[in-house]
């Protein structure tokens, strides 16, 4: 016959303590991971709201600046053309080949 007993395996007391400690550690680690995930999600949501607000504010300011520029060009076409020529000349000097 077999040398193994037919009864189920019973771990020694030390092994039970190790298994209990490992189970408790896993439960605490899972709880901390859930807490961390929730905190990270909240932080990401806050950053997303801030980024959206900054983007919307800057978009409005660029539109306002464009409107002011268009109004200035309509009121001062000669100065606008001279400013454009001057800017083009300066850019040309910066990028010319030597």
PDB file of N, CA and C in Angstrom:
ATOM      1  N   UNK A   1       0.810  -1.170   0.000  1.00  0.00           N
ATOM      2  CA  UNK A   1       0.000   0.000   0.000  1.00  0.00           C
ATOM      3  C   UNK A   1       0.863   1.247   0.000  1.00  0.00           C
ATOM      4  N   UNK A   2       0.220   2.378   0.233  1.00  0.00           N
ATOM      5  CA  UNK A   2       0.893   3.663   0.173  1.00  0.00           C
ATOM      6  C   UNK A   2       1.458   4.029   1.534  1.00  0.00           C
ATOM      7  N   UNK A   3       2.592   4.728   1.504  1.00  0.00           N
ATOM      8  CA  UNK A   3       3.200   5.189   2.749  1.00  0.00           C
ATOM      9  C   UNK A   3       2.543   6.469   3.245  1.00  0.00           C
ATOM     10  N   UNK A   4       1.707   7.109   2.407  1.00  0.00           N
ATOM     11  CA  UNK A   4       1.066   8.372   2.779  1.00  0.00           C
ATOM     12  C   UNK A   4      -0.242   8.098   3.492  1.00  0.00           C
ATOM     13  N   UNK A   5      -0.512   8.869   4.534  1.00  0.00           N
ATOM     14  CA  UNK A   5      -1.797   8.664   5.223  1.00  0.00           C
ATOM     15  C   UNK A   5      -2.948   9.146   4.339  1.00  0.00           C
ATOM     16  N   UNK A   6      -4.106   8.602   4.533  1.00  0.00           N
ATOM     17  CA  UNK A   6      -5.274   8.960   3.735  1.00  0.00           C
ATOM     18  C   UNK A   6      -5.957  10.220   4.253  1.00  0.00           C
ATOM     19  N   UNK A   7      -5.524  10.762   5.365  1.00  0.00           N
ATOM     20  CA  UNK A   7      -6.132  11.984   5.899  1.00  0.00           C
ATOM     21  C   UNK A   7      -5.559  13.187   5.167  1.00  0.00           C
ATOM     22  N   UNK A   8      -6.333  14.307   5.071  1.00  0.00           N
ATOM     23  CA  UNK A   8      -5.819  15.505   4.398  1.00  0.00           C
ATOM     24  C   UNK A   8      -4.622  16.090   5.147  1.00  0.00           C
ATOM     25  N   UNK A   9      -3.818  16.864   4.397  1.00  0.00           N
ATOM     26  CA  UNK A   9      -2.611  17.471   4.956  1.00  0.00           C
ATOM     27  C   UNK A   9      -2.987  18.525   5.988  1.00  0.00           C
ATOM     28  N   UNK A  10      -2.373  18.468   7.129  1.00  0.00           N
ATOM     29  CA  UNK A  10      -2.575  19.457   8.182  1.00  0.00           C
ATOM     30  C   UNK A  10      -1.254  20.171   8.391  1.00  0.00           C
ATOM     31  N   UNK A  11      -1.233  21.488   8.098  1.00  0.00           N
ATOM     32  CA  UNK A  11       0.039  22.197   8.256  1.00  0.00           C
ATOM     33  C   UNK A  11       0.414  22.317   9.728  1.00  0.00           C
ATOM     34  N   UNK A  12       1.685  22.360  10.010  1.00  0.00           N
ATOM     35  CA  UNK A  12       2.094  22.554  11.398  1.00  0.00           C
ATOM     36  C   UNK A  12       1.712  23.955  11.870  1.00  0.00           C
ATOM     37  N   UNK A  13       1.665  24.179  13.159  1.00  0.00           N
ATOM     38  CA  UNK A  13       1.226  25.482  13.698  1.00  0.00           C
ATOM     39  C   UNK A  13       2.023  26.667  13.155  1.00  0.00           C
ATOM     40  N   UNK A  14       3.321  26.538  12.963  1.00  0.00           N
ATOM     41  CA  UNK A  14       4.134  27.632  12.447  1.00  0.00           C
ATOM     42  C   UNK A  14       3.683  28.004  11.046  1.00  0.00           C
ATOM     43  N   UNK A  15       3.397  27.035  10.213  1.00  0.00           N
ATOM     44  CA  UNK A  15       2.940  27.296   8.851  1.00  0.00           C
ATOM     45  C   UNK A  15       1.599  28.022   8.872  1.00  0.00           C
ATOM     46  N   UNK A  16       0.735  27.669   9.804  1.00  0.00           N
ATOM     47  CA  UNK A  16      -0.556  28.370   9.906  1.00  0.00           C
ATOM     48  C   UNK A  16      -0.335  29.840  10.232  1.00  0.00           C
ATOM     49  N   UNK A  17       0.596  30.126  11.108  1.00  0.00           N
ATOM     50  CA  UNK A  17       0.895  31.531  11.450  1.00  0.00           C
ATOM     51  C   UNK A  17       1.432  32.285  10.244  1.00  0.00           C
ATOM     52  N   UNK A  18       2.277  31.634   9.460  1.00  0.00           N
ATOM     53  CA  UNK A  18       2.834  32.271   8.270  1.00  0.00           C
ATOM     54  C   UNK A  18       1.716  32.518   7.260  1.00  0.00           C
ATOM     55  N   UNK A  19       0.843  31.556   7.085  1.00  0.00           N
ATOM     56  CA  UNK A  19      -0.278  31.715   6.145  1.00  0.00           C
ATOM     57  C   UNK A  19      -1.194  32.834   6.611  1.00  0.00           C
ATOM     58  N   UNK A  20      -1.494  32.876   7.915  1.00  0.00           N
ATOM     59  CA  UNK A  20      -2.347  33.948   8.456  1.00  0.00           C
ATOM     60  C   UNK A  20      -1.684  35.318   8.276  1.00  0.00           C
ATOM     61  N   UNK A  21      -0.385  35.387   8.531  1.00  0.00           N
ATOM     62  CA  UNK A  21       0.337  36.658   8.369  1.00  0.00           C
ATOM     63  C   UNK A  21       0.337  37.083   6.906  1.00  0.00           C
ATOM     64  N   UNK A  22       0.552  36.143   6.004  1.00  0.00           N
ATOM     65  CA  UNK A  22       0.558  36.473   4.575  1.00  0.00           C
ATOM     66  C   UNK A  22      -0.818  36.938   4.120  1.00  0.00           C
ATOM     67  N   UNK A  23      -1.857  36.277   4.607  1.00  0.00           N
ATOM     68  CA  UNK A  23      -3.222  36.683   4.253  1.00  0.00           C
ATOM     69  C   UNK A  23      -3.523  38.077   4.779  1.00  0.00           C
ATOM     70  N   UNK A  24      -3.135  38.335   6.016  1.00  0.00           N
ATOM     71  CA  UNK A  24      -3.358  39.668   6.608  1.00  0.00           C
ATOM     72  C   UNK A  24      -2.562  40.737   5.848  1.00  0.00           C
ATOM     73  N   UNK A  25      -1.323  40.416   5.491  1.00  0.00           N
ATOM     74  CA  UNK A  25      -0.498  41.351   4.722  1.00  0.00           C
ATOM     75  C   UNK A  25      -1.153  41.658   3.379  1.00  0.00           C
ATOM     76  N   UNK A  26      -1.648  40.618   2.696  1.00  0.00           N
ATOM     77  CA  UNK A  26      -2.300  40.815   1.399  1.00  0.00           C
ATOM     78  C   UNK A  26      -3.531  41.711   1.534  1.00  0.00           C
ATOM     79  N   UNK A  27      -4.332  41.474   2.575  1.00  0.00           N
ATOM     80  CA  UNK A  27      -5.535  42.291   2.790  1.00  0.00           C
ATOM     81  C   UNK A  27      -5.167  43.754   3.032  1.00  0.00           C
ATOM     82  N   UNK A  28      -4.139  43.989   3.840  1.00  0.00           N
ATOM     83  CA  UNK A  28      -3.709  45.371   4.104  1.00  0.00           C
ATOM     84  C   UNK A  28      -3.142  46.015   2.836  1.00  0.00           C
ATOM     85  N   UNK A  29      -2.389  45.235   2.070  1.00  0.00           N
ATOM     86  CA  UNK A  29      -1.821  45.767   0.823  1.00  0.00           C
ATOM     87  C   UNK A  29      -2.930  46.119  -0.166  1.00  0.00           C
ATOM     88  N   UNK A  30      -3.948  45.267  -0.267  1.00  0.00           N
ATOM     89  CA  UNK A  30      -5.068  45.562  -1.165  1.00  0.00           C
ATOM     90  C   UNK A  30      -5.815  46.811  -0.716  1.00  0.00           C
ATOM     91  N   UNK A  31      -6.000  46.972   0.596  1.00  0.00           N
ATOM     92  CA  UNK A  31      -6.686  48.165   1.117  1.00  0.00           C
ATOM     93  C   UNK A  31      -5.872  49.427   0.810  1.00  0.00           C
ATOM     94  N   UNK A  32      -4.563  49.356   1.014  1.00  0.00           N
ATOM     95  CA  UNK A  32      -3.706  50.513   0.720  1.00  0.00           C
ATOM     96  C   UNK A  32      -3.708  50.818  -0.772  1.00  0.00           C
ATOM     97  N   UNK A  33      -3.714  49.792  -1.598  1.00  0.00           N
ATOM     98  CA  UNK A  33      -3.754  50.011  -3.048  1.00  0.00           C
ATOM     99  C   UNK A  33      -5.051  50.692  -3.458  1.00  0.00           C
ATOM    100  N   UNK A  34      -6.160  50.298  -2.845  1.00  0.00           N
ATOM    101  CA  UNK A  34      -7.438  50.962  -3.142  1.00  0.00           C
ATOM    102  C   UNK A  34      -7.406  52.422  -2.694  1.00  0.00           C
ATOM    103  N   UNK A  35      -6.841  52.674  -1.504  1.00  0.00           N
ATOM    104  CA  UNK A  35      -6.724  54.054  -1.013  1.00  0.00           C
ATOM    105  C   UNK A  35      -5.855  54.890  -1.956  1.00  0.00           C
ATOM    106  N   UNK A  36      -4.729  54.326  -2.364  1.00  0.00           N
ATOM    107  CA  UNK A  36      -3.826  55.028  -3.268  1.00  0.00           C
ATOM    108  C   UNK A  36      -4.508  55.301  -4.606  1.00  0.00           C
ATOM    109  N   UNK A  37      -5.220  54.318  -5.123  1.00  0.00           N
ATOM    110  CA  UNK A  37      -5.932  54.494  -6.392  1.00  0.00           C
ATOM    111  C   UNK A  37      -6.979  55.595  -6.297  1.00  0.00           C
ATOM    112  N   UNK A  38      -7.702  55.636  -5.196  1.00  0.00           N
ATOM    113  CA  UNK A  38      -8.715  56.671  -5.008  1.00  0.00           C
ATOM    114  C   UNK A  38      -8.062  58.049  -4.909  1.00  0.00           C
ATOM    115  N   UNK A  39      -6.969  58.135  -4.136  1.00  0.00           N
ATOM    116  CA  UNK A  39      -6.271  59.417  -3.997  1.00  0.00           C
ATOM    117  C   UNK A  39      -5.694  59.873  -5.337  1.00  0.00           C
ATOM    118  N   UNK A  40      -5.129  58.948  -6.093  1.00  0.00           N
ATOM    119  CA  UNK A  40      -4.576  59.299  -7.401  1.00  0.00           C
ATOM    120  C   UNK A  40      -5.684  59.744  -8.356  1.00  0.00           C
ATOM    121  N   UNK A  41      -6.818  59.070  -8.306  1.00  0.00           N
ATOM    122  CA  UNK A  41      -7.945  59.464  -9.150  1.00  0.00           C
ATOM    123  C   UNK A  41      -8.451  60.853  -8.802  1.00  0.00           C
ATOM    124  N   UNK A  42      -8.539  61.149  -7.508  1.00  0.00           N
ATOM    125  CA  UNK A  42      -8.971  62.486  -7.076  1.00  0.00           C
ATOM    126  C   UNK A  42      -7.979  63.556  -7.522  1.00  0.00           C
ATOM    127  N   UNK A  43      -6.693  63.268  -7.361  1.00  0.00           N
ATOM    128  CA  UNK A  43      -5.658  64.223  -7.761  1.00  0.00           C
ATOM    129  C   UNK A  43      -5.697  64.452  -9.268  1.00  0.00           C
ATOM    130  N   UNK A  44      -5.844  63.386 -10.044  1.00  0.00           N
ATOM    131  CA  UNK A  44      -5.933  63.516 -11.493  1.00  0.00           C
ATOM    132  C   UNK A  44      -7.144  64.351 -11.888  1.00  0.00           C
ATOM    133  N   UNK A  45      -8.260  64.138 -11.213  1.00  0.00           N
ATOM    134  CA  UNK A  45      -9.468  64.909 -11.507  1.00  0.00           C
ATOM    135  C   UNK A  45      -9.245  66.394 -11.229  1.00  0.00           C
ATOM    136  N   UNK A  46      -8.575  66.695 -10.120  1.00  0.00           N
ATOM    137  CA  UNK A  46      -8.277  68.094  -9.791  1.00  0.00           C
ATOM    138  C   UNK A  46      -7.364  68.716 -10.843  1.00  0.00           C
ATOM    139  N   UNK A  47      -6.327  67.995 -11.249  1.00  0.00           N
ATOM    140  CA  UNK A  47      -5.404  68.503 -12.276  1.00  0.00           C
ATOM    141  C   UNK A  47      -6.127  68.706 -13.599  1.00  0.00           C
ATOM    142  N   UNK A  48      -7.021  67.794 -13.923  1.00  0.00           N
ATOM    143  CA  UNK A  48      -7.761  67.896 -15.175  1.00  0.00           C
ATOM    144  C   UNK A  48      -8.650  69.146 -15.165  1.00  0.00           C
ATOM    145  N   UNK A  49      -9.308  69.409 -14.049  1.00  0.00           N
ATOM    146  CA  UNK A  49     -10.152  70.608 -13.943  1.00  0.00           C
ATOM    147  C   UNK A  49      -9.301  71.878 -14.058  1.00  0.00           C
ATOM    148  N   UNK A  50      -8.147  71.886 -13.389  1.00  0.00           N
ATOM    149  CA  UNK A  50      -7.265  73.055 -13.451  1.00  0.00           C
ATOM    150  C   UNK A  50      -6.751  73.269 -14.866  1.00  0.00           C
ATOM    151  N   UNK A  51      -6.343  72.203 -15.534  1.00  0.00           N
ATOM    152  CA  UNK A  51      -5.844  72.320 -16.911  1.00  0.00           C
ATOM    153  C   UNK A  51      -6.937  72.838 -17.835  1.00  0.00           C
ATOM    154  N   UNK A  52      -8.153  72.358 -17.673  1.00  0.00           N
ATOM    155  CA  UNK A  52      -9.267  72.813 -18.507  1.00  0.00           C
ATOM    156  C   UNK A  52      -9.521  74.301 -18.277  1.00  0.00           C
ATOM    157  N   UNK A  53      -9.486  74.723 -17.015  1.00  0.00           N
ATOM    158  CA  UNK A  53      -9.730  76.135 -16.694  1.00  0.00           C
ATOM    159  C   UNK A  53      -8.637  77.019 -17.286  1.00  0.00           C
ATOM    160  N   UNK A  54      -7.374  76.600 -17.158  1.00  0.00           N
ATOM    161  CA  UNK A  54      -6.255  77.376 -17.705  1.00  0.00           C
ATOM    162  C   UNK A  54      -6.358  77.432 -19.228  1.00  0.00           C
ATOM    163  N   UNK A  55      -6.680  76.309 -19.853  1.00  0.00           N
ATOM    164  CA  UNK A  55      -6.823  76.277 -21.309  1.00  0.00           C
ATOM    165  C   UNK A  55      -7.939  77.214 -21.762  1.00  0.00           C
ATOM    166  N   UNK A  56      -9.080  77.159 -21.096  1.00  0.00           N
ATOM    167  CA  UNK A  56     -10.196  78.026 -21.470  1.00  0.00           C
ATOM    168  C   UNK A  56      -9.836  79.502 -21.286  1.00  0.00           C
ATOM    169  N   UNK A  57      -9.148  79.829 -20.178  1.00  0.00           N
ATOM    170  CA  UNK A  57      -8.742  81.215 -19.933  1.00  0.00           C
ATOM    171  C   UNK A  57      -7.765  81.700 -21.009  1.00  0.00           C
ATOM    172  N   UNK A  58      -6.767  80.871 -21.332  1.00  0.00           N
ATOM    173  CA  UNK A  58      -5.783  81.293 -22.321  1.00  0.00           C
ATOM    174  C   UNK A  58      -6.401  81.392 -23.708  1.00  0.00           C
ATOM    175  N   UNK A  59      -7.317  80.500 -24.007  1.00  0.00           N
ATOM    176  CA  UNK A  59      -7.990  80.557 -25.302  1.00  0.00           C
ATOM    177  C   UNK A  59      -8.765  81.881 -25.437  1.00  0.00           C
ATOM    178  N   UNK A  60      -9.431  82.279 -24.390  1.00  0.00           N
ATOM    179  CA  UNK A  60     -10.154  83.546 -24.404  1.00  0.00           C
ATOM    180  C   UNK A  60      -9.227  84.740 -24.537  1.00  0.00           C
ATOM    181  N   UNK A  61      -8.074  84.667 -23.855  1.00  0.00           N
ATOM    182  CA  UNK A  61      -7.123  85.785 -23.922  1.00  0.00           C
ATOM    183  C   UNK A  61      -6.498  85.898 -25.309  1.00  0.00           C
ATOM    184  N   UNK A  62      -6.190  84.757 -25.970  1.00  0.00           N
ATOM    185  CA  UNK A  62      -5.643  84.808 -27.326  1.00  0.00           C
ATOM    186  C   UNK A  62      -6.675  85.358 -28.300  1.00  0.00           C
ATOM    187  N   UNK A  63      -7.925  84.985 -28.119  1.00  0.00           N
ATOM    188  CA  UNK A  63      -8.977  85.516 -28.997  1.00  0.00           C
ATOM    189  C   UNK A  63      -9.110  87.024 -28.798  1.00  0.00           C
ATOM    190  N   UNK A  64      -9.048  87.467 -27.550  1.00  0.00           N
ATOM    191  CA  UNK A  64      -9.132  88.898 -27.248  1.00  0.00           C
ATOM    192  C   UNK A  64      -7.946  89.658 -27.861  1.00  0.00           C
ATOM    193  N   UNK A  65      -6.736  89.078 -27.762  1.00  0.00           N
ATOM    194  CA  UNK A  65      -5.559  89.718 -28.346  1.00  0.00           C
ATOM    195  C   UNK A  65      -5.698  89.801 -29.865  1.00  0.00           C
ATOM    196  N   UNK A  66      -6.216  88.762 -30.486  1.00  0.00           N
ATOM    197  CA  UNK A  66      -6.436  88.779 -31.928  1.00  0.00           C
ATOM    198  C   UNK A  66      -7.438  89.839 -32.336  1.00  0.00           C
ATOM    199  N   UNK A  67      -8.490  89.977 -31.550  1.00  0.00           N
ATOM    200  CA  UNK A  67      -9.495  91.011 -31.826  1.00  0.00           C
ATOM    201  C   UNK A  67      -8.888  92.408 -31.708  1.00  0.00           C
ATOM    202  N   UNK A  68      -8.054  92.616 -30.684  1.00  0.00           N
ATOM    203  CA  UNK A  68      -7.395  93.923 -30.518  1.00  0.00           C
ATOM    204  C   UNK A  68      -6.459  94.205 -31.697  1.00  0.00           C
ATOM    205  N   UNK A  69      -5.723  93.178 -32.139  1.00  0.00           N
ATOM    206  CA  UNK A  69      -4.810  93.362 -33.263  1.00  0.00           C
ATOM    207  C   UNK A  69      -5.586  93.709 -34.534  1.00  0.00           C
ATOM    208  N   UNK A  70      -6.696  93.025 -34.766  1.00  0.00           N
ATOM    209  CA  UNK A  70      -7.499  93.307 -35.958  1.00  0.00           C
ATOM    210  C   UNK A  70      -8.054  94.727 -35.916  1.00  0.00           C
ATOM    211  N   UNK A  71      -8.495  95.158 -34.755  1.00  0.00           N
ATOM    212  CA  UNK A  71      -9.005  96.523 -34.603  1.00  0.00           C
ATOM    213  C   UNK A  71      -7.896  97.543 -34.858  1.00  0.00           C
ATOM    214  N   UNK A  72      -6.692  97.283 -34.328  1.00  0.00           N
ATOM    215  CA  UNK A  72      -5.568  98.199 -34.522  1.00  0.00           C
ATOM    216  C   UNK A  72      -5.208  98.301 -36.004  1.00  0.00           C
ATOM    217  N   UNK A  73      -5.188  97.160 -36.695  1.00  0.00           N
ATOM    218  CA  UNK A  73      -4.837  97.160 -38.123  1.00  0.00           C
ATOM    219  C   UNK A  73      -5.882  97.939 -38.916  1.00  0.00           C
ATOM    220  N   UNK A  74      -7.137  97.791 -38.573  1.00  0.00           N
ATOM    221  CA  UNK A  74      -8.196  98.527 -39.282  1.00  0.00           C
ATOM    222  C   UNK A  74      -8.074 100.027 -39.045  1.00  0.00           C
ATOM    223  N   UNK A  75      -7.689 100.424 -37.839  1.00  0.00           N
ATOM    224  CA  UNK A  75      -7.587 101.843 -37.507  1.00  0.00           C
ATOM    225  C   UNK A  75      -6.259 102.447 -37.993  1.00  0.00           C
ATOM    226  N   UNK A  76      -5.208 101.657 -38.102  1.00  0.00           N
ATOM    227  CA  UNK A  76      -3.873 102.151 -38.471  1.00  0.00           C
ATOM    228  C   UNK A  76      -3.254 101.252 -39.549  1.00  0.00           C
ATOM    229  N   UNK A  77      -3.776 101.241 -40.752  1.00  0.00           N
ATOM    230  CA  UNK A  77      -3.251 100.323 -41.772  1.00  0.00           C
ATOM    231  C   UNK A  77      -1.813 100.633 -42.162  1.00  0.00           C
ATOM    232  N   UNK A  78      -1.426 101.893 -42.226  1.00  0.00           N
ATOM    233  CA  UNK A  78      -0.052 102.258 -42.608  1.00  0.00           C
ATOM    234  C   UNK A  78       0.955 101.759 -41.590  1.00  0.00           C
ATOM    235  N   UNK A  79       0.684 101.987 -40.308  1.00  0.00           N
ATOM    236  CA  UNK A  79       1.583 101.521 -39.252  1.00  0.00           C
ATOM    237  C   UNK A  79       1.664  99.992 -39.241  1.00  0.00           C
ATOM    238  N   UNK A  80       0.536  99.335 -39.502  1.00  0.00           N
ATOM    239  CA  UNK A  80       0.517  97.873 -39.501  1.00  0.00           C
ATOM    240  C   UNK A  80       1.390  97.313 -40.629  1.00  0.00           C
ATOM    241  N   UNK A  81       1.308  97.936 -41.820  1.00  0.00           N
ATOM    242  CA  UNK A  81       2.126  97.475 -42.943  1.00  0.00           C
ATOM    243  C   UNK A  81       3.601  97.700 -42.641  1.00  0.00           C
ATOM    244  N   UNK A  82       3.945  98.866 -42.106  1.00  0.00           N
ATOM    245  CA  UNK A  82       5.344  99.143 -41.758  1.00  0.00           C
ATOM    246  C   UNK A  82       5.853  98.190 -40.661  1.00  0.00           C
ATOM    247  N   UNK A  83       5.007  97.911 -39.692  1.00  0.00           N
ATOM    248  CA  UNK A  83       5.405  96.980 -38.631  1.00  0.00           C
ATOM    249  C   UNK A  83       5.628  95.582 -39.211  1.00  0.00           C
ATOM    250  N   UNK A  84       4.777  95.158 -40.128  1.00  0.00           N
ATOM    251  CA  UNK A  84       4.934  93.861 -40.775  1.00  0.00           C
ATOM    252  C   UNK A  84       6.205  93.784 -41.598  1.00  0.00           C
ATOM    253  N   UNK A  85       6.495  94.868 -42.334  1.00  0.00           N
ATOM    254  CA  UNK A  85       7.735  94.904 -43.118  1.00  0.00           C
ATOM    255  C   UNK A  85       8.963  94.865 -42.202  1.00  0.00           C
ATOM    256  N   UNK A  86       8.901  95.618 -41.121  1.00  0.00           N
ATOM    257  CA  UNK A  86      10.022  95.630 -40.163  1.00  0.00           C
ATOM    258  C   UNK A  86      10.228  94.258 -39.537  1.00  0.00           C
ATOM    259  N   UNK A  87       9.152  93.617 -39.143  1.00  0.00           N
ATOM    260  CA  UNK A  87       9.269  92.284 -38.551  1.00  0.00           C
ATOM    261  C   UNK A  87       9.820  91.297 -39.568  1.00  0.00           C
ATOM    262  N   UNK A  88       9.357  91.374 -40.803  1.00  0.00           N
ATOM    263  CA  UNK A  88       9.874  90.496 -41.856  1.00  0.00           C
ATOM    264  C   UNK A  88      11.348  90.720 -42.110  1.00  0.00           C
ATOM    265  N   UNK A  89      11.782  91.993 -42.109  1.00  0.00           N
ATOM    266  CA  UNK A  89      13.191  92.312 -42.312  1.00  0.00           C
ATOM    267  C   UNK A  89      14.051  91.729 -41.191  1.00  0.00           C
ATOM    268  N   UNK A  90      13.606  91.887 -39.949  1.00  0.00           N
ATOM    269  CA  UNK A  90      14.359  91.368 -38.803  1.00  0.00           C
ATOM    270  C   UNK A  90      14.429  89.851 -38.865  1.00  0.00           C
ATOM    271  N   UNK A  91      13.332  89.192 -39.175  1.00  0.00           N
ATOM    272  CA  UNK A  91      13.328  87.728 -39.275  1.00  0.00           C
ATOM    273  C   UNK A  91      14.243  87.277 -40.409  1.00  0.00           C
ATOM    274  N   UNK A  92      14.216  88.021 -41.528  1.00  0.00           N
ATOM    275  CA  UNK A  92      15.108  87.704 -42.631  1.00  0.00           C
ATOM    276  C   UNK A  92      16.571  87.808 -42.241  1.00  0.00           C
ATOM    277  N   UNK A  93      16.923  88.830 -41.463  1.00  0.00           N
ATOM    278  CA  UNK A  93      18.311  88.968 -40.992  1.00  0.00           C
ATOM    279  C   UNK A  93      18.701  87.819 -40.064  1.00  0.00           C
ATOM    280  N   UNK A  94      17.764  87.398 -39.231  1.00  0.00           N
ATOM    281  CA  UNK A  94      18.063  86.303 -38.290  1.00  0.00           C
ATOM    282  C   UNK A  94      18.309  84.996 -38.992  1.00  0.00           C
ATOM    283  N   UNK A  95      17.602  84.737 -40.088  1.00  0.00           N
ATOM    284  CA  UNK A  95      17.693  83.443 -40.747  1.00  0.00           C
ATOM    285  C   UNK A  95      18.494  83.444 -42.059  1.00  0.00           C
ATOM    286  N   UNK A  96      19.169  84.537 -42.352  1.00  0.00           N
ATOM    287  CA  UNK A  96      19.925  84.589 -43.618  1.00  0.00           C
ATOM    288  C   UNK A  96      21.142  83.682 -43.540  1.00  0.00           C
ATOM    289  N   UNK A  97      21.540  83.215 -44.669  1.00  0.00           N
ATOM    290  CA  UNK A  97      22.717  82.350 -44.803  1.00  0.00           C
ATOM    291  C   UNK A  97      23.953  83.241 -44.920  1.00  0.00           C
ATOM    292  N   UNK A  98      25.007  82.884 -44.257  1.00  0.00           N
ATOM    293  CA  UNK A  98      26.239  83.686 -44.334  1.00  0.00           C
ATOM    294  C   UNK A  98      27.170  83.128 -45.369  1.00  0.00           C
TER     295      UNK A  98
END
